[in-house]
Amino acid sequence: MQTLEKVLSEISKVEHPAISYSLTKLGIVKDIELAEDTVILTFVFPFPGIPIADRLIASISEPIEAMDLKLEYIVRIMNEEEKATFLKLEGEAWKGL
């Protein structure tokens, strides 16, 4: 049986493809819970309709599925404070696609 700590460890290794920070550090992946065999979390995007949303979701889904767990998630848009933090971090670590 997987633990929340193991799930958090694996998820925290997943970097944004264009920014040299993890999705958790960027605030894109939040509210991570483990309920039996399912990881439940929230994807928080800086803007609606970002073109790589599916890619980011898949990048988190892969390590979860590798642990024989399922993924359930909701998506929301960042509030102004979250977006300001994201944009600051993006500016620090932008590497491009």
C-alpha atoms as a PDB file:
ATOM      1  CA  MET A   1       0.000   0.000   0.000  1.00  0.00           C
ATOM      2  CA  GLN A   2       1.304   3.447  -0.920  1.00  0.00           C
ATOM      3  CA  THR A   3       1.591   6.245   1.605  1.00  0.00           C
ATOM      4  CA  LEU A   4       0.830   9.920   1.131  1.00  0.00           C
ATOM      5  CA  GLU A   5       4.507  10.673   1.806  1.00  0.00           C
ATOM      6  CA  LYS A   6       5.590   8.416  -1.080  1.00  0.00           C
ATOM      7  CA  VAL A   7       2.986  10.001  -3.386  1.00  0.00           C
ATOM      8  CA  LEU A   8       4.149  13.501  -2.417  1.00  0.00           C
ATOM      9  CA  SER A   9       7.762  12.491  -2.989  1.00  0.00           C
ATOM     10  CA  GLU A  10       7.041  11.193  -6.493  1.00  0.00           C
ATOM     11  CA  ILE A  11       4.793  14.100  -7.497  1.00  0.00           C
ATOM     12  CA  SER A  12       7.309  16.664  -6.246  1.00  0.00           C
ATOM     13  CA  LYS A  13       9.864  15.321  -8.769  1.00  0.00           C
ATOM     14  CA  VAL A  14       7.705  16.291 -11.766  1.00  0.00           C
ATOM     15  CA  GLU A  15       9.052  19.477 -13.359  1.00  0.00           C
ATOM     16  CA  HIS A  16       7.278  21.885 -15.645  1.00  0.00           C
ATOM     17  CA  PRO A  17       8.557  21.316 -19.201  1.00  0.00           C
ATOM     18  CA  ALA A  18       9.462  24.994 -19.707  1.00  0.00           C
ATOM     19  CA  ILE A  19      10.345  26.051 -16.160  1.00  0.00           C
ATOM     20  CA  SER A  20      13.069  24.461 -14.027  1.00  0.00           C
ATOM     21  CA  TYR A  21      10.774  24.006 -11.022  1.00  0.00           C
ATOM     22  CA  SER A  22       8.373  21.275 -10.001  1.00  0.00           C
ATOM     23  CA  LEU A  23       4.650  21.627 -10.574  1.00  0.00           C
ATOM     24  CA  THR A  24       4.160  21.609  -6.809  1.00  0.00           C
ATOM     25  CA  LYS A  25       6.679  24.443  -6.239  1.00  0.00           C
ATOM     26  CA  LEU A  26       4.979  26.461  -8.994  1.00  0.00           C
ATOM     27  CA  GLY A  27       1.611  26.003  -7.278  1.00  0.00           C
ATOM     28  CA  ILE A  28       0.134  24.152 -10.250  1.00  0.00           C
ATOM     29  CA  VAL A  29      -0.485  20.977  -8.212  1.00  0.00           C
ATOM     30  CA  LYS A  30      -2.145  21.468  -4.819  1.00  0.00           C
ATOM     31  CA  ASP A  31      -4.346  19.847  -2.195  1.00  0.00           C
ATOM     32  CA  ILE A  32      -2.923  16.349  -2.640  1.00  0.00           C
ATOM     33  CA  GLU A  33      -4.762  13.586  -0.809  1.00  0.00           C
ATOM     34  CA  LEU A  34      -4.602   9.792  -0.862  1.00  0.00           C
ATOM     35  CA  ALA A  35      -7.871   7.904  -0.400  1.00  0.00           C
ATOM     36  CA  GLU A  36      -7.246   4.153  -0.575  1.00  0.00           C
ATOM     37  CA  ASP A  37      -6.021   3.579  -4.158  1.00  0.00           C
ATOM     38  CA  THR A  38      -6.808   7.055  -5.491  1.00  0.00           C
ATOM     39  CA  VAL A  39      -4.795  10.265  -5.461  1.00  0.00           C
ATOM     40  CA  ILE A  40      -7.043  13.316  -5.385  1.00  0.00           C
ATOM     41  CA  LEU A  41      -5.558  16.711  -6.199  1.00  0.00           C
ATOM     42  CA  THR A  42      -6.168  20.084  -7.764  1.00  0.00           C
ATOM     43  CA  PHE A  43      -4.493  21.479 -10.863  1.00  0.00           C
ATOM     44  CA  VAL A  44      -4.301  25.262 -10.573  1.00  0.00           C
ATOM     45  CA  PHE A  45      -3.422  26.959 -13.851  1.00  0.00           C
ATOM     46  CA  PRO A  46      -2.368  30.601 -14.193  1.00  0.00           C
ATOM     47  CA  PHE A  47      -4.711  31.248 -17.119  1.00  0.00           C
ATOM     48  CA  PRO A  48      -7.720  29.510 -18.668  1.00  0.00           C
ATOM     49  CA  GLY A  49      -7.053  27.412 -21.741  1.00  0.00           C
ATOM     50  CA  ILE A  50      -3.295  26.977 -21.358  1.00  0.00           C
ATOM     51  CA  PRO A  51      -2.093  24.897 -24.313  1.00  0.00           C
ATOM     52  CA  ILE A  52      -0.035  22.407 -22.291  1.00  0.00           C
ATOM     53  CA  ALA A  53      -2.658  21.618 -19.640  1.00  0.00           C
ATOM     54  CA  ASP A  54      -3.105  18.040 -20.896  1.00  0.00           C
ATOM     55  CA  ARG A  55       0.664  17.555 -20.942  1.00  0.00           C
ATOM     56  CA  LEU A  56       0.985  18.763 -17.349  1.00  0.00           C
ATOM     57  CA  ILE A  57      -1.853  16.507 -16.195  1.00  0.00           C
ATOM     58  CA  ALA A  58      -0.280  13.523 -17.973  1.00  0.00           C
ATOM     59  CA  SER A  59       3.104  14.270 -16.375  1.00  0.00           C
ATOM     60  CA  ILE A  60       1.520  13.925 -12.926  1.00  0.00           C
ATOM     61  CA  SER A  61      -0.637  10.965 -13.920  1.00  0.00           C
ATOM     62  CA  GLU A  62       2.354   8.857 -15.017  1.00  0.00           C
ATOM     63  CA  PRO A  63       4.099   8.471 -11.628  1.00  0.00           C
ATOM     64  CA  ILE A  64       0.747   7.978  -9.904  1.00  0.00           C
ATOM     65  CA  GLU A  65      -0.207   5.171 -12.275  1.00  0.00           C
ATOM     66  CA  ALA A  66       3.286   3.681 -11.890  1.00  0.00           C
ATOM     67  CA  MET A  67       2.445   3.296  -8.177  1.00  0.00           C
ATOM     68  CA  ASP A  68      -0.733   1.388  -9.162  1.00  0.00           C
ATOM     69  CA  LEU A  69      -2.901   4.292  -8.059  1.00  0.00           C
ATOM     70  CA  LYS A  70      -5.698   6.163  -9.816  1.00  0.00           C
ATOM     71  CA  LEU A  71      -5.853   9.931 -10.297  1.00  0.00           C
ATOM     72  CA  GLU A  72      -8.883  12.127  -9.691  1.00  0.00           C
ATOM     73  CA  TYR A  73      -8.536  15.860 -10.062  1.00  0.00           C
ATOM     74  CA  ILE A  74     -10.254  19.164 -10.459  1.00  0.00           C
ATOM     75  CA  VAL A  75      -8.973  22.184 -12.364  1.00  0.00           C
ATOM     76  CA  ARG A  76      -9.211  25.796 -11.331  1.00  0.00           C
ATOM     77  CA  ILE A  77      -7.578  29.093 -12.258  1.00  0.00           C
ATOM     78  CA  MET A  78      -5.079  30.790  -9.951  1.00  0.00           C
ATOM     79  CA  ASN A  79      -6.173  33.747  -7.888  1.00  0.00           C
ATOM     80  CA  GLU A  80      -4.130  36.948  -8.169  1.00  0.00           C
ATOM     81  CA  GLU A  81      -1.772  36.063  -5.303  1.00  0.00           C
ATOM     82  CA  GLU A  82      -1.116  32.567  -6.670  1.00  0.00           C
ATOM     83  CA  LYS A  83      -0.573  33.974 -10.163  1.00  0.00           C
ATOM     84  CA  ALA A  84       1.916  36.580  -8.886  1.00  0.00           C
ATOM     85  CA  THR A  85       3.919  33.841  -7.147  1.00  0.00           C
ATOM     86  CA  PHE A  86       3.813  31.646 -10.263  1.00  0.00           C
ATOM     87  CA  LEU A  87       4.960  34.475 -12.549  1.00  0.00           C
ATOM     88  CA  LYS A  88       7.834  35.348 -10.174  1.00  0.00           C
ATOM     89  CA  LEU A  89       9.013  31.722 -10.133  1.00  0.00           C
ATOM     90  CA  GLU A  90       8.564  31.426 -13.894  1.00  0.00           C
ATOM     91  CA  GLY A  91      10.804  34.469 -14.378  1.00  0.00           C
ATOM     92  CA  GLU A  92      13.494  32.926 -12.160  1.00  0.00           C
ATOM     93  CA  ALA A  93      13.582  29.541 -13.850  1.00  0.00           C
ATOM     94  CA  TRP A  94      12.330  29.898 -17.444  1.00  0.00           C
ATOM     95  CA  LYS A  95      14.109  27.497 -19.793  1.00  0.00           C
ATOM     96  CA  GLY A  96      11.640  27.478 -22.709  1.00  0.00           C
ATOM     97  CA  LEU A  97       9.975  24.632 -24.541  1.00  0.00           C
END
